[in-house]
Amino acid sequence: MRDTIGGYPYEAKKTGGKVIVKFFHKGENVKHPDAAKMTLELTPADIKKLAKL
């Protein structure tokens, strides 16, 4: 079971200086549950911007 943010399951990992976050389809009976819906590559500067919200 993946953790969720805003109701969407996600996986996060660090690669070099970036954090890669993959969001997946929500719902229980999706056809391809491991297909990423959206992927974000966040730099340290991006994370600082989000932390200010």
Protein backbone atom coordinates (compact mmCIF):
# COMPACT_ATOMS: atom_id res chain seq x y z
CA MET A 1 0.00 0.00 0.00
CA ARG A 2 1.40 3.38 -0.97
CA ASP A 3 1.17 6.52 1.14
CA THR A 4 -1.19 9.20 -0.14
CA ILE A 5 -1.09 12.97 -0.62
CA GLY A 6 -4.39 14.65 -1.42
CA GLY A 7 -5.99 11.25 -1.94
CA TYR A 8 -3.47 10.17 -4.59
CA PRO A 9 -1.02 7.31 -3.93
CA TYR A 10 2.62 8.28 -4.44
CA GLU A 11 6.20 7.03 -4.25
CA ALA A 12 9.17 9.30 -3.55
CA LYS A 13 12.91 8.72 -3.86
CA LYS A 14 16.08 10.80 -3.85
CA THR A 15 18.34 10.67 -6.89
CA GLY A 16 21.42 12.81 -6.65
CA GLY A 17 20.28 16.24 -5.45
CA LYS A 18 16.71 15.82 -6.70
CA VAL A 19 13.61 14.25 -5.19
CA ILE A 20 11.45 12.33 -7.65
CA VAL A 21 7.78 11.97 -6.71
CA LYS A 22 5.51 9.70 -8.76
CA PHE A 23 1.74 9.99 -8.36
CA PHE A 24 -0.54 7.10 -9.31
CA HIS A 25 -4.23 6.77 -10.17
CA LYS A 26 -6.59 6.74 -7.22
CA GLY A 27 -9.25 4.09 -6.91
CA GLU A 28 -9.20 0.41 -6.12
CA ASN A 29 -10.00 -1.25 -9.45
CA VAL A 30 -7.80 0.69 -11.87
CA LYS A 31 -6.67 -1.18 -14.99
CA HIS A 32 -2.95 -0.35 -14.60
CA PRO A 33 -2.32 0.45 -10.90
CA ASP A 34 1.46 0.79 -11.33
CA ALA A 35 1.29 3.27 -14.22
CA ALA A 36 2.35 6.71 -13.00
CA LYS A 37 -0.19 9.45 -13.60
CA MET A 38 2.32 12.26 -13.02
CA THR A 39 6.01 12.49 -12.11
CA LEU A 40 7.71 15.49 -10.49
CA GLU A 41 11.46 16.07 -10.26
CA LEU A 42 12.03 18.54 -7.45
CA THR A 43 15.33 20.36 -6.96
CA PRO A 44 16.32 21.75 -3.56
CA ALA A 45 15.19 25.20 -4.81
CA ASP A 46 11.76 23.77 -5.72
CA ILE A 47 11.42 22.23 -2.26
CA LYS A 48 12.23 25.59 -0.64
CA LYS A 49 9.48 27.25 -2.72
CA LEU A 50 6.95 24.64 -1.61
CA ALA A 51 8.03 24.95 2.02
CA LYS A 52 7.11 28.67 1.95
CA LEU A 53 3.43 27.91 1.21
